[in-house]
């Protein structure tokens, strides 16, 4: 099969990316059938599976989860006060945006308790299988243990553009700011005075610096991962972009992602 070559984008390692709108694929570069690690792009997959469970009455966003005073909503929005890795709370729930892998591992425990099956099995049954994300797996941590091909991640991006597993209003709410106006660290980019997050999605807002280019609307939502991966949706232009690669997040990504994402949004 002949794949478009991701030429002239500046990257020195194997990678693949795509742009979609509601009509289908607008741009495809690289091999869509190579499996790459997702790292923290795993989190929006987990969060979306939780949203499905909320719609079906299996989970409740206001259920107690995490440290005292925290709910499932706090964990999804990195507002529980838990540290990045396992440990006691560093702040009261809802007062600081502390990006927490530990919080997502607790979400996996919550999923297992409420659904009666391991989190990875629940996510496969309720998200991966319905969307035919047949190469997507979660191995270990629900915070960063995902693996997928570009083809599978594009299927998730298409779902974010035109939801079929949850009502559009539920996705709009999840992509809206939760616990507004709190500060925190955007991993790889430093402290943000207003570190806006939804339920599993980072919201572009006014963050600076940022991995997305300057053309993106404040309502853009998505996620990037330490593996050098990302997914974004800009509701203003009704487009989504995905990127996977064979090198962990580095200065190379910081240097080239803004121009690449601008091209993906407007090209």
Protein backbone atom coordinates (compact mmCIF):
# COMPACT_ATOMS: atom_id res chain seq x y z
CA UNK A 1 0.00 0.00 0.00
CA UNK A 2 1.27 3.47 -0.86
CA UNK A 3 1.24 5.98 2.00
CA UNK A 4 1.79 9.70 1.75
CA UNK A 5 5.24 10.62 3.02
CA UNK A 6 5.32 13.12 5.91
CA UNK A 7 8.01 15.13 4.14
CA UNK A 8 9.17 18.66 4.94
CA UNK A 9 7.62 18.63 8.42
CA UNK A 10 11.02 18.59 10.10
CA UNK A 11 10.82 15.44 12.21
CA UNK A 12 13.77 13.04 12.26
CA UNK A 13 11.91 9.93 13.45
CA UNK A 14 9.12 7.68 12.12
CA UNK A 15 5.70 9.24 12.65
CA UNK A 16 2.22 9.50 11.20
CA UNK A 17 -0.52 12.08 11.42
CA UNK A 18 -3.95 12.85 10.06
CA UNK A 19 -6.60 15.55 9.85
CA UNK A 20 -10.31 14.79 9.82
CA UNK A 21 -13.55 16.69 9.48
CA UNK A 22 -17.11 15.40 9.64
CA UNK A 23 -16.92 14.31 5.99
CA UNK A 24 -13.87 12.12 6.58
CA UNK A 25 -10.09 12.22 6.26
CA UNK A 26 -8.63 15.44 4.84
CA UNK A 27 -4.94 14.60 5.24
CA UNK A 28 -3.02 11.42 5.95
CA UNK A 29 0.75 11.25 6.28
CA UNK A 30 2.70 8.13 7.22
CA UNK A 31 1.61 4.56 7.76
CA UNK A 32 -1.73 4.38 9.62
CA UNK A 33 -1.17 0.73 10.60
CA UNK A 34 1.98 1.06 12.74
CA UNK A 35 1.36 0.72 16.49
CA UNK A 36 2.77 3.56 18.59
CA UNK A 37 2.62 4.24 22.34
CA UNK A 38 0.02 6.82 23.36
CA UNK A 39 1.37 7.71 26.81
CA UNK A 40 -1.02 10.31 28.27
CA UNK A 41 -3.26 10.34 25.21
CA UNK A 42 -4.57 7.26 27.02
CA UNK A 43 -6.34 9.59 29.47
CA UNK A 44 -9.00 10.98 27.11
CA UNK A 45 -9.80 7.42 26.03
CA UNK A 46 -10.34 6.43 29.66
CA UNK A 47 -12.34 9.60 30.31
CA UNK A 48 -14.59 8.98 27.30
CA UNK A 49 -15.30 5.46 28.46
CA UNK A 50 -16.28 6.95 31.83
CA UNK A 51 -18.62 9.40 30.06
CA UNK A 52 -20.27 6.43 28.34
CA UNK A 53 -20.76 4.80 31.74
CA UNK A 54 -22.23 7.99 33.18
CA UNK A 55 -24.78 8.12 30.38
CA UNK A 56 -25.71 4.51 31.09
CA UNK A 57 -26.07 5.07 34.83
CA UNK A 58 -23.09 2.90 35.78
CA UNK A 59 -21.02 5.82 37.08
CA UNK A 60 -21.81 9.22 38.58
CA UNK A 61 -19.54 12.24 38.17
CA UNK A 62 -20.26 13.30 41.75
CA UNK A 63 -19.41 9.92 43.29
CA UNK A 64 -16.76 10.09 46.00
CA UNK A 65 -13.40 9.09 44.53
CA UNK A 66 -9.82 9.93 45.48
CA UNK A 67 -8.83 11.87 48.62
CA UNK A 68 -11.37 13.25 51.13
CA UNK A 69 -13.70 15.75 49.50
CA UNK A 70 -12.83 14.62 45.98
CA UNK A 71 -15.20 13.19 43.39
CA UNK A 72 -14.86 11.36 40.11
CA UNK A 73 -15.27 14.77 38.43
CA UNK A 74 -12.24 16.11 40.34
CA UNK A 75 -10.12 13.12 39.28
CA UNK A 76 -11.09 13.45 35.61
CA UNK A 77 -10.24 17.16 35.64
CA UNK A 78 -6.92 16.89 37.54
CA UNK A 79 -8.46 18.91 40.36
CA UNK A 80 -8.45 16.34 43.17
CA UNK A 81 -5.30 17.71 44.79
CA UNK A 82 -3.45 14.42 44.31
CA UNK A 83 0.23 14.51 43.27
CA UNK A 84 1.48 13.46 39.83
CA UNK A 85 2.43 10.02 41.14
CA UNK A 86 1.21 7.94 44.09
CA UNK A 87 1.05 9.87 47.35
CA UNK A 88 -1.09 11.98 49.63
CA UNK A 89 -3.03 15.05 48.56
CA UNK A 90 -1.05 18.24 48.02
CA UNK A 91 -4.05 20.58 47.96
CA UNK A 92 -7.76 20.65 48.74
CA UNK A 93 -9.98 19.41 45.90
CA UNK A 94 -10.90 22.11 43.40
CA UNK A 95 -8.15 24.55 44.39
CA UNK A 96 -5.19 23.59 42.16
CA UNK A 97 -4.76 21.86 38.82
CA UNK A 98 -2.19 19.17 39.63
CA UNK A 99 -1.71 16.87 36.65
CA UNK A 100 -2.00 13.42 38.22
CA UNK A 101 -1.25 10.01 36.75
CA UNK A 102 -2.13 8.64 40.18
CA UNK A 103 -5.61 10.14 39.86
CA UNK A 104 -6.22 8.20 36.64
CA UNK A 105 -5.07 4.97 38.24
CA UNK A 106 -7.71 5.62 40.90
CA UNK A 107 -10.26 6.17 38.12
CA UNK A 108 -9.36 2.69 36.84
CA UNK A 109 -10.03 1.29 40.31
CA UNK A 110 -13.36 3.11 40.38
CA UNK A 111 -14.30 1.70 36.94
CA UNK A 112 -13.50 -1.82 38.09
CA UNK A 113 -15.49 -1.46 41.30
CA UNK A 114 -18.60 -0.01 39.67
CA UNK A 115 -18.61 -2.03 36.43
CA UNK A 116 -17.55 -5.37 37.88
CA UNK A 117 -14.77 -5.87 35.33
CA UNK A 118 -11.15 -4.69 34.99
CA UNK A 119 -10.92 -1.16 33.63
CA UNK A 120 -9.10 -2.22 30.45
CA UNK A 121 -11.81 -4.79 29.70
CA UNK A 122 -14.57 -2.26 30.36
CA UNK A 123 -12.92 0.29 28.04
CA UNK A 124 -12.40 -2.29 25.31
CA UNK A 125 -16.03 -3.44 25.47
CA UNK A 126 -17.62 0.00 25.61
CA UNK A 127 -15.27 2.15 23.52
CA UNK A 128 -12.75 0.23 21.42
CA UNK A 129 -15.09 -2.45 20.08
CA UNK A 130 -18.01 -0.16 19.13
CA UNK A 131 -15.66 2.23 17.29
CA UNK A 132 -13.68 -0.65 15.71
CA UNK A 133 -10.47 0.61 17.35
CA UNK A 134 -9.09 -2.88 16.88
CA UNK A 135 -5.41 -2.07 17.47
CA UNK A 136 -5.99 -0.03 20.63
CA UNK A 137 -4.97 -1.59 23.96
CA UNK A 138 -4.24 -0.43 27.47
CA UNK A 139 -1.35 -2.27 29.07
CA UNK A 140 -0.96 -1.45 32.74
CA UNK A 141 -1.66 2.11 33.81
CA UNK A 142 -4.87 3.84 32.76
CA UNK A 143 -2.87 7.07 32.86
CA UNK A 144 -0.30 6.25 30.18
CA UNK A 145 -0.49 2.58 29.15
CA UNK A 146 -2.27 2.95 25.81
CA UNK A 147 -1.04 1.75 22.41
CA UNK A 148 -2.70 2.27 19.05
CA UNK A 149 -2.26 2.79 15.34
CA UNK A 150 -3.13 6.07 13.69
CA UNK A 151 -6.12 4.32 12.14
CA UNK A 152 -7.58 3.51 15.57
CA UNK A 153 -6.89 6.96 16.99
CA UNK A 154 -8.53 8.52 13.92
CA UNK A 155 -11.67 6.54 14.73
CA UNK A 156 -11.70 8.11 18.18
CA UNK A 157 -11.13 11.56 16.68
CA UNK A 158 -14.10 10.99 14.37
CA UNK A 159 -16.21 10.12 17.41
CA UNK A 160 -15.19 13.41 19.05
CA UNK A 161 -16.30 15.29 15.93
CA UNK A 162 -19.67 13.51 15.69
CA UNK A 163 -20.48 11.58 18.88
CA UNK A 164 -22.33 8.29 18.54
CA UNK A 165 -21.70 6.71 21.94
CA UNK A 166 -22.78 9.67 24.07
CA UNK A 167 -25.10 12.62 23.35
CA UNK A 168 -23.39 15.64 21.77
CA UNK A 169 -24.42 17.70 24.80
CA UNK A 170 -22.52 15.33 27.09
CA UNK A 171 -19.34 15.74 25.05
CA UNK A 172 -19.79 19.52 24.96
CA UNK A 173 -20.03 19.53 28.75
CA UNK A 174 -16.94 17.32 29.09
CA UNK A 175 -15.00 19.66 26.78
CA UNK A 176 -15.99 22.66 28.91
CA UNK A 177 -13.89 24.02 31.76
CA UNK A 178 -14.31 22.25 35.09
CA UNK A 179 -13.35 24.12 38.29
CA UNK A 180 -12.62 27.32 36.39
CA UNK A 181 -9.79 29.73 37.08
CA UNK A 182 -7.36 27.48 38.95
CA UNK A 183 -3.65 27.44 38.20
CA UNK A 184 -1.30 24.55 37.60
CA UNK A 185 1.55 23.11 35.57
CA UNK A 186 0.98 22.12 31.95
CA UNK A 187 3.49 19.25 31.61
CA UNK A 188 6.37 20.20 29.34
CA UNK A 189 5.32 23.86 29.15
CA UNK A 190 5.35 25.19 32.71
CA UNK A 191 2.97 27.01 35.02
CA UNK A 192 -0.31 28.32 33.65
CA UNK A 193 -2.25 30.91 35.64
CA UNK A 194 -5.52 29.57 34.25
CA UNK A 195 -4.86 25.91 33.54
CA UNK A 196 -8.18 25.02 31.93
CA UNK A 197 -9.28 21.36 31.80
CA UNK A 198 -12.49 19.56 31.05
CA UNK A 199 -13.31 15.95 31.92
CA UNK A 200 -10.25 14.17 30.54
CA UNK A 201 -9.48 16.86 27.98
CA UNK A 202 -7.02 19.74 28.16
CA UNK A 203 -8.70 22.92 26.94
CA UNK A 204 -6.65 25.41 24.91
CA UNK A 205 -8.01 28.49 26.64
CA UNK A 206 -5.36 31.17 27.13
CA UNK A 207 -2.45 28.84 27.91
CA UNK A 208 0.99 30.06 26.79
CA UNK A 209 3.32 28.49 25.84
CA UNK A 210 1.44 25.60 24.30
CA UNK A 211 1.94 22.64 21.98
CA UNK A 212 -0.78 23.85 19.60
CA UNK A 213 -0.16 26.65 17.11
CA UNK A 214 -1.42 30.20 17.37
CA UNK A 215 -4.44 29.68 15.06
CA UNK A 216 -6.43 27.47 17.42
CA UNK A 217 -9.58 28.67 19.11
CA UNK A 218 -9.79 28.86 22.89
CA UNK A 219 -12.44 26.10 22.77
CA UNK A 220 -10.02 23.56 21.25
CA UNK A 221 -9.76 20.44 23.39
CA UNK A 222 -7.50 17.41 23.31
CA UNK A 223 -4.37 15.99 24.89
CA UNK A 224 -0.72 15.28 24.22
CA UNK A 225 1.47 12.53 25.58
CA UNK A 226 5.04 12.03 26.70
CA UNK A 227 5.40 9.51 23.88
CA UNK A 228 5.21 12.38 21.40
CA UNK A 229 1.55 11.92 20.54
CA UNK A 230 -1.46 14.19 20.40
CA UNK A 231 -5.13 14.49 19.57
CA UNK A 232 -7.07 17.75 19.20
CA UNK A 233 -10.50 18.95 18.12
CA UNK A 234 -11.18 22.59 17.23
CA UNK A 235 -14.97 23.10 17.28
CA UNK A 236 -14.59 26.43 15.49
CA UNK A 237 -13.45 24.78 12.25
CA UNK A 238 -14.94 21.34 13.02
CA UNK A 239 -11.64 19.58 12.46
CA UNK A 240 -9.61 17.06 14.44
CA UNK A 241 -5.93 16.16 14.28
CA UNK A 242 -3.92 13.21 15.52
CA UNK A 243 -0.17 12.55 15.63
CA UNK A 244 1.84 9.48 16.68
CA UNK A 245 5.59 8.98 16.60
CA UNK A 246 8.54 6.84 17.57
CA UNK A 247 10.31 9.33 19.85
CA UNK A 248 9.36 10.62 23.28
CA UNK A 249 8.34 14.26 23.65
CA UNK A 250 11.40 16.43 23.17
CA UNK A 251 12.69 19.79 21.96
CA UNK A 252 12.00 18.55 18.45
CA UNK A 253 8.28 18.33 19.20
CA UNK A 254 8.28 21.72 20.91
CA UNK A 255 9.98 23.23 17.87
CA UNK A 256 7.81 21.70 15.12
CA UNK A 257 4.37 20.99 16.57
CA UNK A 258 3.05 24.60 16.51
CA UNK A 259 3.67 25.04 12.76
CA UNK A 260 2.47 21.51 11.99
CA UNK A 261 -0.74 21.91 13.97
CA UNK A 262 -1.43 25.30 12.35
CA UNK A 263 -1.06 23.65 8.95
CA UNK A 264 -3.34 20.78 10.03
CA UNK A 265 -6.01 23.20 11.20
CA UNK A 266 -6.01 25.47 8.17
CA UNK A 267 -4.53 23.45 5.28
